């Protein structure tokens, strides 16, 4: 189980790094992502 948890954690970190990289490449994408994150946190 812990191995699966570690894989999930690594994947989420990897996804975050890709998102951060995309943000630096495209500032318009950033605003969309931030809006999505705000909606996500408001819903949660």
PDB file of N, CA and C in Angstrom:
ATOM      1  N   UNK A   1       0.842  -1.221   0.000  1.00  0.00           N
ATOM      2  CA  UNK A   1       0.000   0.000   0.000  1.00  0.00           C
ATOM      3  C   UNK A   1       0.871   1.263   0.000  1.00  0.00           C
ATOM      4  N   UNK A   2       1.900   1.278   0.846  1.00  0.00           N
ATOM      5  CA  UNK A   2       2.736   2.482   0.940  1.00  0.00           C
ATOM      6  C   UNK A   2       3.410   2.769  -0.401  1.00  0.00           C
ATOM      7  N   UNK A   3       3.741   1.710  -1.143  1.00  0.00           N
ATOM      8  CA  UNK A   3       4.384   1.894  -2.446  1.00  0.00           C
ATOM      9  C   UNK A   3       3.415   2.610  -3.392  1.00  0.00           C
ATOM     10  N   UNK A   4       2.143   2.194  -3.381  1.00  0.00           N
ATOM     11  CA  UNK A   4       1.130   2.845  -4.215  1.00  0.00           C
ATOM     12  C   UNK A   4       0.976   4.313  -3.818  1.00  0.00           C
ATOM     13  N   UNK A   5       0.970   4.553  -2.492  1.00  0.00           N
ATOM     14  CA  UNK A   5       0.852   5.935  -2.018  1.00  0.00           C
ATOM     15  C   UNK A   5       2.016   6.772  -2.518  1.00  0.00           C
ATOM     16  N   UNK A   6       3.227   6.202  -2.453  1.00  0.00           N
ATOM     17  CA  UNK A   6       4.400   6.924  -2.929  1.00  0.00           C
ATOM     18  C   UNK A   6       4.287   7.220  -4.420  1.00  0.00           C
ATOM     19  N   UNK A   7       3.810   6.264  -5.190  1.00  0.00           N
ATOM     20  CA  UNK A   7       3.644   6.478  -6.620  1.00  0.00           C
ATOM     21  C   UNK A   7       2.662   7.612  -6.885  1.00  0.00           C
ATOM     22  N   UNK A   8       1.552   7.611  -6.153  1.00  0.00           N
ATOM     23  CA  UNK A   8       0.556   8.659  -6.318  1.00  0.00           C
ATOM     24  C   UNK A   8       1.161  10.021  -5.974  1.00  0.00           C
ATOM     25  N   UNK A   9       1.951  10.060  -4.905  1.00  0.00           N
ATOM     26  CA  UNK A   9       2.583  11.310  -4.482  1.00  0.00           C
ATOM     27  C   UNK A   9       3.559  11.793  -5.553  1.00  0.00           C
ATOM     28  N   UNK A  10       4.374  10.880  -6.067  1.00  0.00           N
ATOM     29  CA  UNK A  10       5.344  11.239  -7.112  1.00  0.00           C
ATOM     30  C   UNK A  10       4.607  11.747  -8.343  1.00  0.00           C
ATOM     31  N   UNK A  11       3.516  11.089  -8.708  1.00  0.00           N
ATOM     32  CA  UNK A  11       2.754  11.507  -9.884  1.00  0.00           C
ATOM     33  C   UNK A  11       2.179  12.896  -9.694  1.00  0.00           C
ATOM     34  N   UNK A  12       1.619  13.158  -8.510  1.00  0.00           N
ATOM     35  CA  UNK A  12       1.024  14.478  -8.257  1.00  0.00           C
ATOM     36  C   UNK A  12       2.096  15.558  -8.299  1.00  0.00           C
ATOM     37  N   UNK A  13       3.274  15.269  -7.738  1.00  0.00           N
ATOM     38  CA  UNK A  13       4.382  16.231  -7.776  1.00  0.00           C
ATOM     39  C   UNK A  13       4.817  16.447  -9.218  1.00  0.00           C
ATOM     40  N   UNK A  14       4.901  15.372  -9.990  1.00  0.00           N
ATOM     41  CA  UNK A  14       5.300  15.448 -11.393  1.00  0.00           C
ATOM     42  C   UNK A  14       4.300  16.296 -12.163  1.00  0.00           C
ATOM     43  N   UNK A  15       2.989  16.033 -11.935  1.00  0.00           N
ATOM     44  CA  UNK A  15       1.944  16.827 -12.592  1.00  0.00           C
ATOM     45  C   UNK A  15       2.075  18.298 -12.211  1.00  0.00           C
ATOM     46  N   UNK A  16       2.361  18.557 -10.924  1.00  0.00           N
ATOM     47  CA  UNK A  16       2.506  19.944 -10.469  1.00  0.00           C
ATOM     48  C   UNK A  16       3.674  20.614 -11.172  1.00  0.00           C
ATOM     49  N   UNK A  17       4.786  19.892 -11.322  1.00  0.00           N
ATOM     50  CA  UNK A  17       5.958  20.449 -11.999  1.00  0.00           C
ATOM     51  C   UNK A  17       5.624  20.773 -13.452  1.00  0.00           C
ATOM     52  N   UNK A  18       4.885  19.883 -14.122  1.00  0.00           N
ATOM     53  CA  UNK A  18       4.485  20.129 -15.513  1.00  0.00           C
ATOM     54  C   UNK A  18       3.612  21.376 -15.566  1.00  0.00           C
ATOM     55  N   UNK A  19       2.672  21.482 -14.617  1.00  0.00           N
ATOM     56  CA  UNK A  19       1.788  22.647 -14.580  1.00  0.00           C
ATOM     57  C   UNK A  19       2.595  23.921 -14.354  1.00  0.00           C
ATOM     58  N   UNK A  20       3.538  23.864 -13.416  1.00  0.00           N
ATOM     59  CA  UNK A  20       4.372  25.041 -13.133  1.00  0.00           C
ATOM     60  C   UNK A  20       5.177  25.426 -14.366  1.00  0.00           C
ATOM     61  N   UNK A  21       5.710  24.441 -15.057  1.00  0.00           N
ATOM     62  CA  UNK A  21       6.493  24.694 -16.271  1.00  0.00           C
ATOM     63  C   UNK A  21       5.608  25.356 -17.319  1.00  0.00           C
ATOM     64  N   UNK A  22       4.389  24.829 -17.478  1.00  0.00           N
ATOM     65  CA  UNK A  22       3.440  25.397 -18.438  1.00  0.00           C
ATOM     66  C   UNK A  22       3.115  26.833 -18.061  1.00  0.00           C
ATOM     67  N   UNK A  23       2.984  27.080 -16.761  1.00  0.00           N
ATOM     68  CA  UNK A  23       2.677  28.429 -16.283  1.00  0.00           C
ATOM     69  C   UNK A  23       3.781  29.397 -16.709  1.00  0.00           C
ATOM     70  N   UNK A  24       5.027  29.002 -16.543  1.00  0.00           N
ATOM     71  CA  UNK A  24       6.131  29.887 -16.920  1.00  0.00           C
ATOM     72  C   UNK A  24       6.156  30.112 -18.428  1.00  0.00           C
ATOM     73  N   UNK A  25       5.724  29.113 -19.189  1.00  0.00           N
ATOM     74  CA  UNK A  25       5.745  29.239 -20.649  1.00  0.00           C
ATOM     75  C   UNK A  25       4.589  30.110 -21.143  1.00  0.00           C
ATOM     76  N   UNK A  26       3.454  30.013 -20.494  1.00  0.00           N
ATOM     77  CA  UNK A  26       2.247  30.678 -21.008  1.00  0.00           C
ATOM     78  C   UNK A  26       1.491  31.355 -19.870  1.00  0.00           C
ATOM     79  N   UNK A  27       1.599  32.679 -19.795  1.00  0.00           N
ATOM     80  CA  UNK A  27       0.971  33.401 -18.678  1.00  0.00           C
ATOM     81  C   UNK A  27      -0.546  33.407 -18.789  1.00  0.00           C
ATOM     82  N   UNK A  28      -1.082  33.329 -20.012  1.00  0.00           N
ATOM     83  CA  UNK A  28      -2.539  33.268 -20.154  1.00  0.00           C
ATOM     84  C   UNK A  28      -3.069  31.971 -19.563  1.00  0.00           C
ATOM     85  N   UNK A  29      -2.304  30.900 -19.748  1.00  0.00           N
ATOM     86  CA  UNK A  29      -2.691  29.613 -19.165  1.00  0.00           C
ATOM     87  C   UNK A  29      -2.719  29.719 -17.650  1.00  0.00           C
ATOM     88  N   UNK A  30      -1.796  30.509 -17.104  1.00  0.00           N
ATOM     89  CA  UNK A  30      -1.741  30.697 -15.651  1.00  0.00           C
ATOM     90  C   UNK A  30      -3.057  31.225 -15.129  1.00  0.00           C
ATOM     91  N   UNK A  31      -3.542  32.257 -15.757  1.00  0.00           N
ATOM     92  CA  UNK A  31      -4.790  32.867 -15.271  1.00  0.00           C
ATOM     93  C   UNK A  31      -5.924  31.860 -15.313  1.00  0.00           C
ATOM     94  N   UNK A  32      -5.955  31.044 -16.368  1.00  0.00           N
ATOM     95  CA  UNK A  32      -6.995  30.013 -16.454  1.00  0.00           C
ATOM     96  C   UNK A  32      -6.822  28.994 -15.342  1.00  0.00           C
ATOM     97  N   UNK A  33      -5.568  28.572 -15.113  1.00  0.00           N
ATOM     98  CA  UNK A  33      -5.298  27.586 -14.064  1.00  0.00           C
ATOM     99  C   UNK A  33      -5.667  28.136 -12.696  1.00  0.00           C
ATOM    100  N   UNK A  34      -5.298  29.378 -12.428  1.00  0.00           N
ATOM    101  CA  UNK A  34      -5.614  29.993 -11.143  1.00  0.00           C
ATOM    102  C   UNK A  34      -7.129  30.061 -10.954  1.00  0.00           C
ATOM    103  N   UNK A  35      -7.832  30.430 -12.010  1.00  0.00           N
ATOM    104  CA  UNK A  35      -9.295  30.483 -11.938  1.00  0.00           C
ATOM    105  C   UNK A  35      -9.846  29.089 -11.642  1.00  0.00           C
ATOM    106  N   UNK A  36      -9.278  28.059 -12.299  1.00  0.00           N
ATOM    107  CA  UNK A  36      -9.720  26.685 -12.054  1.00  0.00           C
ATOM    108  C   UNK A  36      -9.443  26.279 -10.614  1.00  0.00           C
ATOM    109  N   UNK A  37      -8.224  26.621 -10.117  1.00  0.00           N
ATOM    110  CA  UNK A  37      -7.872  26.280  -8.732  1.00  0.00           C
ATOM    111  C   UNK A  37      -8.807  26.973  -7.752  1.00  0.00           C
ATOM    112  N   UNK A  38      -9.119  28.257  -8.005  1.00  0.00           N
ATOM    113  CA  UNK A  38     -10.017  28.992  -7.108  1.00  0.00           C
ATOM    114  C   UNK A  38     -11.386  28.328  -7.083  1.00  0.00           C
ATOM    115  N   UNK A  39     -11.905  27.966  -8.267  1.00  0.00           N
ATOM    116  CA  UNK A  39     -13.194  27.276  -8.328  1.00  0.00           C
ATOM    117  C   UNK A  39     -13.118  25.946  -7.584  1.00  0.00           C
ATOM    118  N   UNK A  40     -12.007  25.229  -7.773  1.00  0.00           N
ATOM    119  CA  UNK A  40     -11.834  23.929  -7.132  1.00  0.00           C
ATOM    120  C   UNK A  40     -11.875  24.065  -5.612  1.00  0.00           C
ATOM    121  N   UNK A  41     -11.157  25.056  -5.088  1.00  0.00           N
ATOM    122  CA  UNK A  41     -11.118  25.233  -3.632  1.00  0.00           C
ATOM    123  C   UNK A  41     -12.451  25.749  -3.107  1.00  0.00           C
ATOM    124  N   UNK A  42     -13.139  26.571  -3.890  1.00  0.00           N
ATOM    125  CA  UNK A  42     -14.451  27.061  -3.460  1.00  0.00           C
ATOM    126  C   UNK A  42     -15.435  25.896  -3.392  1.00  0.00           C
ATOM    127  N   UNK A  43     -15.394  25.007  -4.407  1.00  0.00           N
ATOM    128  CA  UNK A  43     -16.285  23.842  -4.422  1.00  0.00           C
ATOM    129  C   UNK A  43     -15.955  22.932  -3.246  1.00  0.00           C
ATOM    130  N   UNK A  44     -14.662  22.714  -2.995  1.00  0.00           N
ATOM    131  CA  UNK A  44     -14.251  21.866  -1.877  1.00  0.00           C
ATOM    132  C   UNK A  44     -14.390  22.672  -0.603  1.00  0.00           C
TER     133      UNK A  44
END
